[in-house]
Amino acid sequence: MDDDFVGIVYRTDTSCSLGSHDLSAMREVIGMPERILGASMHLPIWTVLFQYPSFSVTYESGLNDLHLFDAGIEIFTQDKIVKVQYDTPYIKGLPVTMSVKEKVKGVKSNGFQERVVRKT
């Protein structure tokens, strides 16, 4: 991977340091990307498109005037969406919420189910 990865993702000003927890979780879950396909750094929101061996990942982060913490990883496949949502990275051991939306094959027709799991 080229040196541009570090320059785009790890900036030292406070507006961009918030994403370090998200990027750490991404590395643990899906590994390091092969390269960066593109980036948009128009504050207050920025977006990076990472290329992995068999898929792409869109990373978005930013700060606005709402002062809400909204962080998660969402994975889309042909018949399932899995989202892992965490409320804050600053409280150790806080449970995360996982939601699974999926197509369910039945005898007569296809259906849809959504499950929410929050281990407490």
PDB file of N, CA and C in Angstrom:
ATOM      1  N   MET A   1       0.846  -1.166   0.000  1.00  0.00           N
ATOM      2  CA  MET A   1       0.000   0.000   0.000  1.00  0.00           C
ATOM      3  C   MET A   1       0.893   1.232   0.000  1.00  0.00           C
ATOM      4  N   ASP A   2       0.478   2.293  -0.718  1.00  0.00           N
ATOM      5  CA  ASP A   2       1.318   3.463  -0.824  1.00  0.00           C
ATOM      6  C   ASP A   2       1.210   4.365   0.399  1.00  0.00           C
ATOM      7  N   ASP A   3       2.134   5.334   0.495  1.00  0.00           N
ATOM      8  CA  ASP A   3       2.195   6.217   1.649  1.00  0.00           C
ATOM      9  C   ASP A   3       1.009   7.173   1.741  1.00  0.00           C
ATOM     10  N   ASP A   4       0.239   7.323   0.664  1.00  0.00           N
ATOM     11  CA  ASP A   4      -0.912   8.210   0.697  1.00  0.00           C
ATOM     12  C   ASP A   4      -1.947   7.777   1.723  1.00  0.00           C
ATOM     13  N   PHE A   5      -2.002   6.493   2.020  1.00  0.00           N
ATOM     14  CA  PHE A   5      -2.971   5.978   2.988  1.00  0.00           C
ATOM     15  C   PHE A   5      -2.813   6.682   4.326  1.00  0.00           C
ATOM     16  N   VAL A   6      -1.585   6.800   4.801  1.00  0.00           N
ATOM     17  CA  VAL A   6      -1.339   7.418   6.094  1.00  0.00           C
ATOM     18  C   VAL A   6      -1.697   8.898   6.043  1.00  0.00           C
ATOM     19  N   GLY A   7      -1.349   9.583   4.971  1.00  0.00           N
ATOM     20  CA  GLY A   7      -1.625  11.004   4.862  1.00  0.00           C
ATOM     21  C   GLY A   7      -3.099  11.329   4.812  1.00  0.00           C
ATOM     22  N   ILE A   8      -3.887  10.491   4.191  1.00  0.00           N
ATOM     23  CA  ILE A   8      -5.318  10.766   4.074  1.00  0.00           C
ATOM     24  C   ILE A   8      -6.055  10.425   5.361  1.00  0.00           C
ATOM     25  N   VAL A   9      -5.733   9.307   5.959  1.00  0.00           N
ATOM     26  CA  VAL A   9      -6.532   8.821   7.070  1.00  0.00           C
ATOM     27  C   VAL A   9      -6.081   9.353   8.416  1.00  0.00           C
ATOM     28  N   TYR A  10      -4.796   9.447   8.634  1.00  0.00           N
ATOM     29  CA  TYR A  10      -4.285   9.848   9.936  1.00  0.00           C
ATOM     30  C   TYR A  10      -3.786  11.278   9.921  1.00  0.00           C
ATOM     31  N   ARG A  11      -4.719  12.211  10.021  1.00  0.00           N
ATOM     32  CA  ARG A  11      -4.347  13.611  10.134  1.00  0.00           C
ATOM     33  C   ARG A  11      -4.231  13.950  11.600  1.00  0.00           C
ATOM     34  N   THR A  12      -3.491  14.973  11.921  1.00  0.00           N
ATOM     35  CA  THR A  12      -3.233  15.286  13.321  1.00  0.00           C
ATOM     36  C   THR A  12      -4.193  16.307  13.908  1.00  0.00           C
ATOM     37  N   ASP A  13      -4.987  16.995  13.095  1.00  0.00           N
ATOM     38  CA  ASP A  13      -5.916  17.960  13.674  1.00  0.00           C
ATOM     39  C   ASP A  13      -7.092  17.225  14.320  1.00  0.00           C
ATOM     40  N   THR A  14      -7.773  17.895  15.233  1.00  0.00           N
ATOM     41  CA  THR A  14      -8.820  17.240  16.021  1.00  0.00           C
ATOM     42  C   THR A  14     -10.010  16.820  15.181  1.00  0.00           C
ATOM     43  N   SER A  15     -10.273  17.495  14.072  1.00  0.00           N
ATOM     44  CA  SER A  15     -11.446  17.132  13.274  1.00  0.00           C
ATOM     45  C   SER A  15     -11.302  15.761  12.633  1.00  0.00           C
ATOM     46  N   CYS A  16     -10.095  15.289  12.408  1.00  0.00           N
ATOM     47  CA  CYS A  16      -9.908  14.004  11.743  1.00  0.00           C
ATOM     48  C   CYS A  16      -9.447  12.895  12.679  1.00  0.00           C
ATOM     49  N   SER A  17      -9.044  13.209  13.886  1.00  0.00           N
ATOM     50  CA  SER A  17      -8.545  12.174  14.798  1.00  0.00           C
ATOM     51  C   SER A  17      -9.657  11.289  15.322  1.00  0.00           C
ATOM     52  N   LEU A  18     -10.900  11.717  15.208  1.00  0.00           N
ATOM     53  CA  LEU A  18     -12.037  10.932  15.676  1.00  0.00           C
ATOM     54  C   LEU A  18     -12.119   9.576  14.995  1.00  0.00           C
ATOM     55  N   GLY A  19     -11.724   9.471  13.737  1.00  0.00           N
ATOM     56  CA  GLY A  19     -11.846   8.243  12.975  1.00  0.00           C
ATOM     57  C   GLY A  19     -10.858   7.153  13.321  1.00  0.00           C
ATOM     58  N   SER A  20      -9.914   7.396  14.199  1.00  0.00           N
ATOM     59  CA  SER A  20      -8.902   6.378  14.504  1.00  0.00           C
ATOM     60  C   SER A  20      -9.522   5.116  15.098  1.00  0.00           C
ATOM     61  N   HIS A  21     -10.586   5.247  15.896  1.00  0.00           N
ATOM     62  CA  HIS A  21     -11.246   4.070  16.465  1.00  0.00           C
ATOM     63  C   HIS A  21     -11.943   3.260  15.374  1.00  0.00           C
ATOM     64  N   ASP A  22     -12.585   3.951  14.451  1.00  0.00           N
ATOM     65  CA  ASP A  22     -13.270   3.280  13.347  1.00  0.00           C
ATOM     66  C   ASP A  22     -12.278   2.524  12.474  1.00  0.00           C
ATOM     67  N   LEU A  23     -11.184   3.169  12.153  1.00  0.00           N
ATOM     68  CA  LEU A  23     -10.183   2.546  11.287  1.00  0.00           C
ATOM     69  C   LEU A  23      -9.518   1.356  11.970  1.00  0.00           C
ATOM     70  N   SER A  24      -9.330   1.452  13.270  1.00  0.00           N
ATOM     71  CA  SER A  24      -8.776   0.329  14.021  1.00  0.00           C
ATOM     72  C   SER A  24      -9.730  -0.867  13.981  1.00  0.00           C
ATOM     73  N   ALA A  25     -11.021  -0.612  14.149  1.00  0.00           N
ATOM     74  CA  ALA A  25     -12.018  -1.690  14.077  1.00  0.00           C
ATOM     75  C   ALA A  25     -12.046  -2.296  12.679  1.00  0.00           C
ATOM     76  N   MET A  26     -11.948  -1.461  11.658  1.00  0.00           N
ATOM     77  CA  MET A  26     -11.928  -1.974  10.283  1.00  0.00           C
ATOM     78  C   MET A  26     -10.729  -2.884  10.052  1.00  0.00           C
ATOM     79  N   ARG A  27      -9.559  -2.484  10.528  1.00  0.00           N
ATOM     80  CA  ARG A  27      -8.361  -3.315  10.358  1.00  0.00           C
ATOM     81  C   ARG A  27      -8.517  -4.662  11.045  1.00  0.00           C
ATOM     82  N   GLU A  28      -9.117  -4.659  12.240  1.00  0.00           N
ATOM     83  CA  GLU A  28      -9.312  -5.914  12.982  1.00  0.00           C
ATOM     84  C   GLU A  28     -10.311  -6.829  12.291  1.00  0.00           C
ATOM     85  N   VAL A  29     -11.368  -6.254  11.722  1.00  0.00           N
ATOM     86  CA  VAL A  29     -12.440  -7.054  11.135  1.00  0.00           C
ATOM     87  C   VAL A  29     -12.121  -7.503   9.712  1.00  0.00           C
ATOM     88  N   ILE A  30     -11.628  -6.593   8.868  1.00  0.00           N
ATOM     89  CA  ILE A  30     -11.458  -6.929   7.451  1.00  0.00           C
ATOM     90  C   ILE A  30     -10.029  -6.777   6.944  1.00  0.00           C
ATOM     91  N   GLY A  31      -9.096  -6.369   7.807  1.00  0.00           N
ATOM     92  CA  GLY A  31      -7.696  -6.269   7.403  1.00  0.00           C
ATOM     93  C   GLY A  31      -7.361  -4.938   6.756  1.00  0.00           C
ATOM     94  N   MET A  32      -6.165  -4.865   6.207  1.00  0.00           N
ATOM     95  CA  MET A  32      -5.683  -3.640   5.571  1.00  0.00           C
ATOM     96  C   MET A  32      -6.109  -3.605   4.107  1.00  0.00           C
ATOM     97  N   PRO A  33      -6.505  -2.440   3.621  1.00  0.00           N
ATOM     98  CA  PRO A  33      -6.860  -2.334   2.208  1.00  0.00           C
ATOM     99  C   PRO A  33      -5.611  -2.399   1.330  1.00  0.00           C
ATOM    100  N   GLU A  34      -5.831  -2.766   0.071  1.00  0.00           N
ATOM    101  CA  GLU A  34      -4.726  -2.785  -0.887  1.00  0.00           C
ATOM    102  C   GLU A  34      -4.335  -1.380  -1.312  1.00  0.00           C
ATOM    103  N   ARG A  35      -5.341  -0.526  -1.497  1.00  0.00           N
ATOM    104  CA  ARG A  35      -5.067   0.839  -1.925  1.00  0.00           C
ATOM    105  C   ARG A  35      -6.296   1.711  -1.724  1.00  0.00           C
ATOM    106  N   ILE A  36      -6.130   2.997  -1.959  1.00  0.00           N
ATOM    107  CA  ILE A  36      -7.218   3.958  -1.899  1.00  0.00           C
ATOM    108  C   ILE A  36      -7.663   4.256  -3.317  1.00  0.00           C
ATOM    109  N   LEU A  37      -8.948   4.089  -3.576  1.00  0.00           N
ATOM    110  CA  LEU A  37      -9.492   4.375  -4.897  1.00  0.00           C
ATOM    111  C   LEU A  37      -9.871   5.844  -5.057  1.00  0.00           C
ATOM    112  N   GLY A  38     -10.233   6.481  -3.949  1.00  0.00           N
ATOM    113  CA  GLY A  38     -10.612   7.883  -4.016  1.00  0.00           C
ATOM    114  C   GLY A  38     -10.911   8.434  -2.644  1.00  0.00           C
ATOM    115  N   ALA A  39     -10.945   9.752  -2.552  1.00  0.00           N
ATOM    116  CA  ALA A  39     -11.242  10.409  -1.284  1.00  0.00           C
ATOM    117  C   ALA A  39     -11.879  11.765  -1.549  1.00  0.00           C
ATOM    118  N   SER A  40     -12.744  12.164  -0.645  1.00  0.00           N
ATOM    119  CA  SER A  40     -13.353  13.486  -0.671  1.00  0.00           C
ATOM    120  C   SER A  40     -13.161  14.087   0.710  1.00  0.00           C
ATOM    121  N   MET A  41     -12.429  15.163   0.794  1.00  0.00           N
ATOM    122  CA  MET A  41     -12.094  15.761   2.090  1.00  0.00           C
ATOM    123  C   MET A  41     -12.780  17.116   2.271  1.00  0.00           C
ATOM    124  N   HIS A  42     -14.053  17.184   1.959  1.00  0.00           N
ATOM    125  CA  HIS A  42     -14.799  18.427   2.105  1.00  0.00           C
ATOM    126  C   HIS A  42     -15.441  18.455   3.483  1.00  0.00           C
ATOM    127  N   LEU A  43     -14.818  19.171   4.406  1.00  0.00           N
ATOM    128  CA  LEU A  43     -15.317  19.232   5.772  1.00  0.00           C
ATOM    129  C   LEU A  43     -16.681  19.901   5.807  1.00  0.00           C
ATOM    130  N   PRO A  44     -17.567  19.483   6.680  1.00  0.00           N
ATOM    131  CA  PRO A  44     -17.314  18.728   7.895  1.00  0.00           C
ATOM    132  C   PRO A  44     -17.349  17.204   7.736  1.00  0.00           C
ATOM    133  N   ILE A  45     -17.672  16.677   6.545  1.00  0.00           N
ATOM    134  CA  ILE A  45     -17.740  15.232   6.327  1.00  0.00           C
ATOM    135  C   ILE A  45     -16.691  14.844   5.298  1.00  0.00           C
ATOM    136  N   TRP A  46     -16.025  13.728   5.529  1.00  0.00           N
ATOM    137  CA  TRP A  46     -15.052  13.242   4.567  1.00  0.00           C
ATOM    138  C   TRP A  46     -15.318  11.774   4.275  1.00  0.00           C
ATOM    139  N   THR A  47     -14.948  11.357   3.085  1.00  0.00           N
ATOM    140  CA  THR A  47     -15.227  10.005   2.605  1.00  0.00           C
ATOM    141  C   THR A  47     -13.977   9.451   1.930  1.00  0.00           C
ATOM    142  N   VAL A  48     -13.708   8.161   2.174  1.00  0.00           N
ATOM    143  CA  VAL A  48     -12.590   7.478   1.523  1.00  0.00           C
ATOM    144  C   VAL A  48     -13.117   6.165   0.959  1.00  0.00           C
ATOM    145  N   LEU A  49     -12.700   5.821  -0.245  1.00  0.00           N
ATOM    146  CA  LEU A  49     -13.065   4.557  -0.873  1.00  0.00           C
ATOM    147  C   LEU A  49     -11.821   3.670  -0.905  1.00  0.00           C
ATOM    148  N   PHE A  50     -11.846   2.584  -0.119  1.00  0.00           N
ATOM    149  CA  PHE A  50     -10.724   1.649  -0.011  1.00  0.00           C
ATOM    150  C   PHE A  50     -10.958   0.441  -0.913  1.00  0.00           C
ATOM    151  N   GLN A  51      -9.898  -0.073  -1.519  1.00  0.00           N
ATOM    152  CA  GLN A  51      -9.968  -1.290  -2.328  1.00  0.00           C
ATOM    153  C   GLN A  51      -9.352  -2.446  -1.552  1.00  0.00           C
ATOM    154  N   TYR A  52     -10.122  -3.520  -1.380  1.00  0.00           N
ATOM    155  CA  TYR A  52      -9.653  -4.776  -0.794  1.00  0.00           C
ATOM    156  C   TYR A  52      -9.562  -5.794  -1.929  1.00  0.00           C
ATOM    157  N   PRO A  53      -9.003  -6.972  -1.678  1.00  0.00           N
ATOM    158  CA  PRO A  53      -8.824  -7.935  -2.767  1.00  0.00           C
ATOM    159  C   PRO A  53     -10.100  -8.284  -3.537  1.00  0.00           C
ATOM    160  N   SER A  54     -11.237  -8.439  -2.860  1.00  0.00           N
ATOM    161  CA  SER A  54     -12.445  -8.866  -3.566  1.00  0.00           C
ATOM    162  C   SER A  54     -13.654  -7.957  -3.330  1.00  0.00           C
ATOM    163  N   PHE A  55     -13.447  -6.797  -2.719  1.00  0.00           N
ATOM    164  CA  PHE A  55     -14.553  -5.875  -2.451  1.00  0.00           C
ATOM    165  C   PHE A  55     -13.998  -4.481  -2.177  1.00  0.00           C
ATOM    166  N   SER A  56     -14.894  -3.504  -2.154  1.00  0.00           N
ATOM    167  CA  SER A  56     -14.531  -2.128  -1.822  1.00  0.00           C
ATOM    168  C   SER A  56     -15.227  -1.724  -0.534  1.00  0.00           C
ATOM    169  N   VAL A  57     -14.670  -0.735   0.154  1.00  0.00           N
ATOM    170  CA  VAL A  57     -15.232  -0.243   1.407  1.00  0.00           C
ATOM    171  C   VAL A  57     -15.327   1.276   1.330  1.00  0.00           C
ATOM    172  N   THR A  58     -16.486   1.800   1.681  1.00  0.00           N
ATOM    173  CA  THR A  58     -16.661   3.239   1.794  1.00  0.00           C
ATOM    174  C   THR A  58     -16.581   3.617   3.263  1.00  0.00           C
ATOM    175  N   TYR A  59     -15.674   4.530   3.584  1.00  0.00           N
ATOM    176  CA  TYR A  59     -15.501   5.020   4.955  1.00  0.00           C
ATOM    177  C   TYR A  59     -15.938   6.476   4.991  1.00  0.00           C
ATOM    178  N   GLU A  60     -16.813   6.805   5.922  1.00  0.00           N
ATOM    179  CA  GLU A  60     -17.273   8.180   6.075  1.00  0.00           C
ATOM    180  C   GLU A  60     -17.107   8.600   7.525  1.00  0.00           C
ATOM    181  N   SER A  61     -16.717   9.831   7.719  1.00  0.00           N
ATOM    182  CA  SER A  61     -16.586  10.360   9.069  1.00  0.00           C
ATOM    183  C   SER A  61     -16.782  11.866   9.010  1.00  0.00           C
ATOM    184  N   GLY A  62     -16.948  12.459  10.161  1.00  0.00           N
ATOM    185  CA  GLY A  62     -17.071  13.907  10.202  1.00  0.00           C
ATOM    186  C   GLY A  62     -17.658  14.406  11.504  1.00  0.00           C
ATOM    187  N   LEU A  63     -17.674  15.682  11.626  1.00  0.00           N
ATOM    188  CA  LEU A  63     -18.231  16.358  12.794  1.00  0.00           C
ATOM    189  C   LEU A  63     -19.180  17.428  12.300  1.00  0.00           C
ATOM    190  N   ASN A  64     -20.357  17.505  12.923  1.00  0.00           N
ATOM    191  CA  ASN A  64     -21.278  18.578  12.592  1.00  0.00           C
ATOM    192  C   ASN A  64     -21.803  19.190  13.879  1.00  0.00           C
ATOM    193  N   ASP A  65     -22.764  20.054  13.781  1.00  0.00           N
ATOM    194  CA  ASP A  65     -23.268  20.772  14.951  1.00  0.00           C
ATOM    195  C   ASP A  65     -24.285  19.986  15.774  1.00  0.00           C
ATOM    196  N   LEU A  66     -24.596  18.755  15.388  1.00  0.00           N
ATOM    197  CA  LEU A  66     -25.566  17.961  16.145  1.00  0.00           C
ATOM    198  C   LEU A  66     -24.959  17.296  17.371  1.00  0.00           C
ATOM    199  N   HIS A  67     -23.646  17.115  17.409  1.00  0.00           N
ATOM    200  CA  HIS A  67     -22.937  16.529  18.541  1.00  0.00           C
ATOM    201  C   HIS A  67     -23.465  15.138  18.919  1.00  0.00           C
ATOM    202  N   LEU A  68     -23.727  14.321  17.904  1.00  0.00           N
ATOM    203  CA  LEU A  68     -24.157  12.938  18.108  1.00  0.00           C
ATOM    204  C   LEU A  68     -23.003  12.011  17.773  1.00  0.00           C
ATOM    205  N   PHE A  69     -22.911  10.898  18.501  1.00  0.00           N
ATOM    206  CA  PHE A  69     -21.917   9.885  18.177  1.00  0.00           C
ATOM    207  C   PHE A  69     -22.643   8.761  17.450  1.00  0.00           C
ATOM    208  N   ASP A  70     -22.272   8.496  16.230  1.00  0.00           N
ATOM    209  CA  ASP A  70     -22.908   7.464  15.418  1.00  0.00           C
ATOM    210  C   ASP A  70     -21.801   6.684  14.733  1.00  0.00           C
ATOM    211  N   ALA A  71     -21.524   5.484  15.217  1.00  0.00           N
ATOM    212  CA  ALA A  71     -20.431   4.704  14.642  1.00  0.00           C
ATOM    213  C   ALA A  71     -20.863   3.260  14.473  1.00  0.00           C
ATOM    214  N   GLY A  72     -20.479   2.688  13.346  1.00  0.00           N
ATOM    215  CA  GLY A  72     -20.801   1.300  13.098  1.00  0.00           C
ATOM    216  C   GLY A  72     -20.166   0.809  11.819  1.00  0.00           C
ATOM    217  N   ILE A  73     -20.240  -0.471  11.634  1.00  0.00           N
ATOM    218  CA  ILE A  73     -19.756  -1.119  10.422  1.00  0.00           C
ATOM    219  C   ILE A  73     -20.936  -1.853   9.823  1.00  0.00           C
ATOM    220  N   GLU A  74     -21.190  -1.618   8.538  1.00  0.00           N
ATOM    221  CA  GLU A  74     -22.329  -2.236   7.863  1.00  0.00           C
ATOM    222  C   GLU A  74     -21.817  -3.009   6.658  1.00  0.00           C
ATOM    223  N   ILE A  75     -22.268  -4.256   6.545  1.00  0.00           N
ATOM    224  CA  ILE A  75     -21.818  -5.144   5.477  1.00  0.00           C
ATOM    225  C   ILE A  75     -23.035  -5.555   4.647  1.00  0.00           C
ATOM    226  N   PHE A  76     -22.934  -5.359   3.325  1.00  0.00           N
ATOM    227  CA  PHE A  76     -24.022  -5.669   2.402  1.00  0.00           C
ATOM    228  C   PHE A  76     -23.633  -6.861   1.540  1.00  0.00           C
ATOM    229  N   THR A  77     -24.500  -7.870   1.470  1.00  0.00           N
ATOM    230  CA  THR A  77     -24.331  -8.979   0.539  1.00  0.00           C
ATOM    231  C   THR A  77     -25.602  -9.067  -0.308  1.00  0.00           C
ATOM    232  N   GLN A  78     -25.671 -10.040  -1.171  1.00  0.00           N
ATOM    233  CA  GLN A  78     -26.825 -10.168  -2.066  1.00  0.00           C
ATOM    234  C   GLN A  78     -28.131 -10.371  -1.308  1.00  0.00           C
ATOM    235  N   ASP A  79     -28.109 -11.121  -0.200  1.00  0.00           N
ATOM    236  CA  ASP A  79     -29.357 -11.398   0.502  1.00  0.00           C
ATOM    237  C   ASP A  79     -29.300 -11.128   2.011  1.00  0.00           C
ATOM    238  N   LYS A  80     -28.307 -10.340   2.453  1.00  0.00           N
ATOM    239  CA  LYS A  80     -28.197 -10.069   3.884  1.00  0.00           C
ATOM    240  C   LYS A  80     -27.471  -8.746   4.112  1.00  0.00           C
ATOM    241  N   ILE A  81     -27.893  -8.017   5.162  1.00  0.00           N
ATOM    242  CA  ILE A  81     -27.199  -6.816   5.628  1.00  0.00           C
ATOM    243  C   ILE A  81     -26.948  -6.993   7.115  1.00  0.00           C
ATOM    244  N   VAL A  82     -25.689  -6.866   7.509  1.00  0.00           N
ATOM    245  CA  VAL A  82     -25.314  -6.978   8.914  1.00  0.00           C
ATOM    246  C   VAL A  82     -24.707  -5.645   9.340  1.00  0.00           C
ATOM    247  N   LYS A  83     -25.214  -5.103  10.430  1.00  0.00           N
ATOM    248  CA  LYS A  83     -24.699  -3.835  10.950  1.00  0.00           C
ATOM    249  C   LYS A  83     -24.302  -4.008  12.400  1.00  0.00           C
ATOM    250  N   VAL A  84     -23.078  -3.625  12.711  1.00  0.00           N
ATOM    251  CA  VAL A  84     -22.582  -3.617  14.084  1.00  0.00           C
ATOM    252  C   VAL A  84     -22.475  -2.152  14.493  1.00  0.00           C
ATOM    253  N   GLN A  85     -23.241  -1.781  15.490  1.00  0.00           N
ATOM    254  CA  GLN A  85     -23.323  -0.386  15.947  1.00  0.00           C
ATOM    255  C   GLN A  85     -22.769  -0.305  17.360  1.00  0.00           C
ATOM    256  N   TYR A  86     -21.831   0.629  17.582  1.00  0.00           N
ATOM    257  CA  TYR A  86     -21.351   0.831  18.935  1.00  0.00           C
ATOM    258  C   TYR A  86     -21.595   2.273  19.344  1.00  0.00           C
ATOM    259  N   ASP A  87     -22.035   2.443  20.600  1.00  0.00           N
ATOM    260  CA  ASP A  87     -22.474   3.746  21.078  1.00  0.00           C
ATOM    261  C   ASP A  87     -21.316   4.712  21.304  1.00  0.00           C
ATOM    262  N   THR A  88     -20.216   4.206  21.810  1.00  0.00           N
ATOM    263  CA  THR A  88     -19.047   5.051  22.053  1.00  0.00           C
ATOM    264  C   THR A  88     -17.823   4.162  22.231  1.00  0.00           C
ATOM    265  N   PRO A  89     -16.677   4.587  21.743  1.00  0.00           N
ATOM    266  CA  PRO A  89     -15.459   3.808  21.969  1.00  0.00           C
ATOM    267  C   PRO A  89     -14.795   4.155  23.300  1.00  0.00           C
ATOM    268  N   TYR A  90     -15.366   5.091  24.038  1.00  0.00           N
ATOM    269  CA  TYR A  90     -14.702   5.614  25.228  1.00  0.00           C
ATOM    270  C   TYR A  90     -15.094   4.909  26.518  1.00  0.00           C
ATOM    271  N   ILE A  91     -16.053   3.983  26.467  1.00  0.00           N
ATOM    272  CA  ILE A  91     -16.450   3.230  27.657  1.00  0.00           C
ATOM    273  C   ILE A  91     -16.125   1.765  27.404  1.00  0.00           C
ATOM    274  N   LYS A  92     -15.127   1.261  28.111  1.00  0.00           N
ATOM    275  CA  LYS A  92     -14.675  -0.111  27.900  1.00  0.00           C
ATOM    276  C   LYS A  92     -15.756  -1.105  28.332  1.00  0.00           C
ATOM    277  N   GLY A  93     -15.987  -2.102  27.489  1.00  0.00           N
ATOM    278  CA  GLY A  93     -16.922  -3.162  27.819  1.00  0.00           C
ATOM    279  C   GLY A  93     -18.377  -2.849  27.522  1.00  0.00           C
ATOM    280  N   LEU A  94     -18.664  -1.701  26.941  1.00  0.00           N
ATOM    281  CA  LEU A  94     -20.039  -1.357  26.607  1.00  0.00           C
ATOM    282  C   LEU A  94     -20.541  -2.297  25.515  1.00  0.00           C
ATOM    283  N   PRO A  95     -21.734  -2.884  25.678  1.00  0.00           N
ATOM    284  CA  PRO A  95     -22.231  -3.809  24.656  1.00  0.00           C
ATOM    285  C   PRO A  95     -22.442  -3.111  23.321  1.00  0.00           C
ATOM    286  N   VAL A  96     -22.271  -3.858  22.258  1.00  0.00           N
ATOM    287  CA  VAL A  96     -22.556  -3.357  20.916  1.00  0.00           C
ATOM    288  C   VAL A  96     -23.887  -3.946  20.463  1.00  0.00           C
ATOM    289  N   THR A  97     -24.492  -3.313  19.481  1.00  0.00           N
ATOM    290  CA  THR A  97     -25.747  -3.800  18.925  1.00  0.00           C
ATOM    291  C   THR A  97     -25.488  -4.308  17.516  1.00  0.00           C
ATOM    292  N   MET A  98     -25.952  -5.514  17.227  1.00  0.00           N
ATOM    293  CA  MET A  98     -25.826  -6.071  15.891  1.00  0.00           C
ATOM    294  C   MET A  98     -27.228  -6.287  15.337  1.00  0.00           C
ATOM    295  N   SER A  99     -27.453  -5.759  14.145  1.00  0.00           N
ATOM    296  CA  SER A  99     -28.731  -6.028  13.491  1.00  0.00           C
ATOM    297  C   SER A  99     -28.462  -6.793  12.204  1.00  0.00           C
ATOM    298  N   VAL A 100     -29.332  -7.762  11.944  1.00  0.00           N
ATOM    299  CA  VAL A 100     -29.224  -8.597  10.752  1.00  0.00           C
ATOM    300  C   VAL A 100     -30.541  -8.510  10.005  1.00  0.00           C
ATOM    301  N   LYS A 101     -30.477  -8.068   8.763  1.00  0.00           N
ATOM    302  CA  LYS A 101     -31.645  -8.036   7.883  1.00  0.00           C
ATOM    303  C   LYS A 101     -31.344  -9.030   6.775  1.00  0.00           C
ATOM    304  N   GLU A 102     -32.264  -9.981   6.579  1.00  0.00           N
ATOM    305  CA  GLU A 102     -31.953 -11.013   5.596  1.00  0.00           C
ATOM    306  C   GLU A 102     -33.200 -11.559   4.913  1.00  0.00           C
ATOM    307  N   LYS A 103     -32.963 -12.067   3.740  1.00  0.00           N
ATOM    308  CA  LYS A 103     -33.990 -12.746   2.962  1.00  0.00           C
ATOM    309  C   LYS A 103     -34.122 -14.158   3.529  1.00  0.00           C
ATOM    310  N   VAL A 104     -35.356 -14.601   3.732  1.00  0.00           N
ATOM    311  CA  VAL A 104     -35.609 -15.930   4.270  1.00  0.00           C
ATOM    312  C   VAL A 104     -36.361 -16.721   3.213  1.00  0.00           C
ATOM    313  N   LYS A 105     -35.802 -17.835   2.827  1.00  0.00           N
ATOM    314  CA  LYS A 105     -36.441 -18.674   1.809  1.00  0.00           C
ATOM    315  C   LYS A 105     -37.443 -19.600   2.470  1.00  0.00           C
ATOM    316  N   GLY A 106     -38.672 -19.495   2.022  1.00  0.00           N
ATOM    317  CA  GLY A 106     -39.729 -20.338   2.552  1.00  0.00           C
ATOM    318  C   GLY A 106     -40.217 -21.325   1.517  1.00  0.00           C
ATOM    319  N   VAL A 107     -41.164 -22.157   1.925  1.00  0.00           N
ATOM    320  CA  VAL A 107     -41.721 -23.169   1.034  1.00  0.00           C
ATOM    321  C   VAL A 107     -42.521 -22.507  -0.093  1.00  0.00           C
ATOM    322  N   LYS A 108     -43.377 -21.530   0.255  1.00  0.00           N
ATOM    323  CA  LYS A 108     -44.252 -20.920  -0.743  1.00  0.00           C
ATOM    324  C   LYS A 108     -43.687 -19.623  -1.317  1.00  0.00           C
ATOM    325  N   SER A 109     -42.981 -18.871  -0.512  1.00  0.00           N
ATOM    326  CA  SER A 109     -42.471 -17.586  -1.007  1.00  0.00           C
ATOM    327  C   SER A 109     -41.257 -17.167  -0.185  1.00  0.00           C
ATOM    328  N   ASN A 110     -40.578 -16.173  -0.693  1.00  0.00           N
ATOM    329  CA  ASN A 110     -39.452 -15.616   0.034  1.00  0.00           C
ATOM    330  C   ASN A 110     -39.950 -14.562   1.006  1.00  0.00           C
ATOM    331  N   GLY A 111     -39.344 -14.498   2.151  1.00  0.00           N
ATOM    332  CA  GLY A 111     -39.724 -13.533   3.164  1.00  0.00           C
ATOM    333  C   GLY A 111     -38.538 -12.682   3.583  1.00  0.00           C
ATOM    334  N   PHE A 112     -38.758 -11.884   4.591  1.00  0.00           N
ATOM    335  CA  PHE A 112     -37.745 -10.977   5.116  1.00  0.00           C
ATOM    336  C   PHE A 112     -37.784 -11.058   6.624  1.00  0.00           C
ATOM    337  N   GLN A 113     -36.608 -11.062   7.239  1.00  0.00           N
ATOM    338  CA  GLN A 113     -36.575 -11.025   8.699  1.00  0.00           C
ATOM    339  C   GLN A 113     -35.493 -10.066   9.150  1.00  0.00           C
ATOM    340  N   GLU A 114     -35.734  -9.442  10.285  1.00  0.00           N
ATOM    341  CA  GLU A 114     -34.759  -8.540  10.892  1.00  0.00           C
ATOM    342  C   GLU A 114     -34.586  -8.944  12.346  1.00  0.00           C
ATOM    343  N   ARG A 115     -33.335  -9.151  12.732  1.00  0.00           N
ATOM    344  CA  ARG A 115     -33.008  -9.511  14.107  1.00  0.00           C
ATOM    345  C   ARG A 115     -32.082  -8.451  14.693  1.00  0.00           C
ATOM    346  N   VAL A 116     -32.297  -8.133  15.970  1.00  0.00           N
ATOM    347  CA  VAL A 116     -31.409  -7.210  16.677  1.00  0.00           C
ATOM    348  C   VAL A 116     -30.854  -7.949  17.884  1.00  0.00           C
ATOM    349  N   VAL A 117     -29.532  -7.971  17.989  1.00  0.00           N
ATOM    350  CA  VAL A 117     -28.862  -8.672  19.082  1.00  0.00           C
ATOM    351  C   VAL A 117     -28.056  -7.656  19.871  1.00  0.00           C
ATOM    352  N   ARG A 118     -28.299  -7.582  21.177  1.00  0.00           N
ATOM    353  CA  ARG A 118     -27.519  -6.715  22.070  1.00  0.00           C
ATOM    354  C   ARG A 118     -27.204  -7.516  23.310  1.00  0.00           C
ATOM    355  N   LYS A 119     -26.014  -8.027  23.360  1.00  0.00           N
ATOM    356  CA  LYS A 119     -25.592  -8.860  24.496  1.00  0.00           C
ATOM    357  C   LYS A 119     -25.360  -7.973  25.710  1.00  0.00           C
ATOM    358  N   THR A 120     -26.008  -8.319  26.814  1.00  0.00           N
ATOM    359  CA  THR A 120     -25.857  -7.524  28.028  1.00  0.00           C
ATOM    360  C   THR A 120     -25.358  -8.368  29.168  1.00  0.00           C
TER     361      THR A 120
END
